[in-house]
Amino acid sequence: MMPMIEPEVNIKSESRAECDAILLEELLKALDTLPAASKSC
């Protein structure tokens, strides 16, 4: 299973793209901290 991530940003917000980019960057940083064995499913 995979958790669903729902950012609290209005879909019509002018800053939505920027918020999505920040979220992606932070998620990728967090994934990089996981051991290699945790990344393969």
N, C-alpha and C. Protein backbone atom coordinates (compact mmCIF):
# COMPACT_ATOMS: atom_id res chain seq x y z
N MET A 1 0.82 -1.18 0.00
CA MET A 1 0.00 0.00 0.00
C MET A 1 0.87 1.25 0.00
N MET A 2 0.28 2.31 -0.48
CA MET A 2 1.00 3.57 -0.52
C MET A 2 0.09 4.67 0.03
N PRO A 3 0.61 5.47 0.95
CA PRO A 3 -0.23 6.53 1.51
C PRO A 3 -0.51 7.61 0.46
N MET A 4 -1.65 8.22 0.59
CA MET A 4 -2.04 9.30 -0.31
C MET A 4 -1.66 10.62 0.34
N ILE A 5 -1.01 11.48 -0.41
CA ILE A 5 -0.61 12.78 0.13
C ILE A 5 -1.49 13.85 -0.51
N GLU A 6 -2.16 14.60 0.35
CA GLU A 6 -3.03 15.65 -0.13
C GLU A 6 -2.62 16.98 0.49
N PRO A 7 -1.87 17.78 -0.26
CA PRO A 7 -1.44 19.08 0.28
C PRO A 7 -2.64 20.01 0.48
N GLU A 8 -2.57 20.82 1.50
CA GLU A 8 -3.65 21.75 1.81
C GLU A 8 -3.47 23.06 1.03
N VAL A 9 -3.52 22.96 -0.29
CA VAL A 9 -3.38 24.13 -1.15
C VAL A 9 -4.57 24.14 -2.10
N ASN A 10 -5.23 25.26 -2.19
CA ASN A 10 -6.37 25.38 -3.10
C ASN A 10 -5.91 25.12 -4.52
N ILE A 11 -6.64 24.29 -5.23
CA ILE A 11 -6.26 23.90 -6.59
C ILE A 11 -6.24 25.10 -7.55
N LYS A 12 -6.94 26.15 -7.20
CA LYS A 12 -6.98 27.35 -8.05
C LYS A 12 -6.01 28.44 -7.58
N SER A 13 -5.21 28.13 -6.58
CA SER A 13 -4.26 29.10 -6.04
C SER A 13 -3.19 29.46 -7.06
N GLU A 14 -2.81 30.72 -7.09
CA GLU A 14 -1.76 31.18 -8.00
C GLU A 14 -0.41 30.58 -7.64
N SER A 15 -0.24 30.17 -6.39
CA SER A 15 1.03 29.61 -5.95
C SER A 15 1.01 28.08 -5.93
N ARG A 16 0.02 27.47 -6.51
CA ARG A 16 -0.12 26.01 -6.48
C ARG A 16 1.10 25.31 -7.08
N ALA A 17 1.56 25.77 -8.23
CA ALA A 17 2.71 25.13 -8.88
C ALA A 17 3.94 25.20 -7.99
N GLU A 18 4.15 26.34 -7.36
CA GLU A 18 5.30 26.50 -6.45
C GLU A 18 5.17 25.56 -5.25
N CYS A 19 3.97 25.45 -4.71
CA CYS A 19 3.74 24.56 -3.57
C CYS A 19 3.98 23.11 -3.96
N ASP A 20 3.52 22.72 -5.15
CA ASP A 20 3.75 21.36 -5.62
C ASP A 20 5.23 21.07 -5.80
N ALA A 21 5.97 22.05 -6.29
CA ALA A 21 7.42 21.87 -6.49
C ALA A 21 8.12 21.70 -5.14
N ILE A 22 7.72 22.48 -4.15
CA ILE A 22 8.31 22.36 -2.81
C ILE A 22 7.99 20.98 -2.23
N LEU A 23 6.75 20.54 -2.36
CA LEU A 23 6.36 19.23 -1.86
C LEU A 23 7.18 18.13 -2.51
N LEU A 24 7.32 18.17 -3.82
CA LEU A 24 8.10 17.16 -4.53
C LEU A 24 9.55 17.15 -4.06
N GLU A 25 10.14 18.33 -3.94
CA GLU A 25 11.53 18.42 -3.50
C GLU A 25 11.72 17.82 -2.12
N GLU A 26 10.82 18.12 -1.20
CA GLU A 26 10.93 17.61 0.16
C GLU A 26 10.69 16.10 0.22
N LEU A 27 9.75 15.61 -0.58
CA LEU A 27 9.52 14.16 -0.62
C LEU A 27 10.74 13.42 -1.15
N LEU A 28 11.35 13.95 -2.19
CA LEU A 28 12.54 13.31 -2.75
C LEU A 28 13.70 13.32 -1.76
N LYS A 29 13.85 14.42 -1.02
CA LYS A 29 14.89 14.48 0.01
C LYS A 29 14.66 13.41 1.08
N ALA A 30 13.40 13.26 1.49
CA ALA A 30 13.08 12.26 2.52
C ALA A 30 13.33 10.85 1.99
N LEU A 31 12.97 10.60 0.74
CA LEU A 31 13.20 9.27 0.16
C LEU A 31 14.69 8.96 0.07
N ASP A 32 15.50 9.97 -0.19
CA ASP A 32 16.95 9.76 -0.28
C ASP A 32 17.56 9.33 1.05
N THR A 33 16.87 9.58 2.15
CA THR A 33 17.41 9.21 3.46
C THR A 33 17.09 7.75 3.81
N LEU A 34 16.21 7.10 3.05
CA LEU A 34 15.86 5.71 3.34
C LEU A 34 16.96 4.77 2.90
N PRO A 35 17.13 3.67 3.63
CA PRO A 35 18.09 2.65 3.19
C PRO A 35 17.65 2.07 1.85
N ALA A 36 18.60 1.62 1.05
CA ALA A 36 18.30 1.09 -0.29
C ALA A 36 17.29 -0.05 -0.24
N ALA A 37 17.36 -0.90 0.77
CA ALA A 37 16.45 -2.04 0.88
C ALA A 37 15.00 -1.58 1.06
N SER A 38 14.79 -0.41 1.62
CA SER A 38 13.44 0.09 1.83
C SER A 38 12.82 0.65 0.56
N LYS A 39 13.64 0.96 -0.42
CA LYS A 39 13.15 1.61 -1.64
C LYS A 39 12.61 0.62 -2.66
N SER A 40 13.00 -0.63 -2.59
CA SER A 40 12.54 -1.59 -3.58
C SER A 40 11.27 -2.29 -3.08
N CYS A 41 10.30 -2.37 -3.94
CA CYS A 41 9.04 -3.03 -3.56
C CYS A 41 8.73 -4.14 -4.53
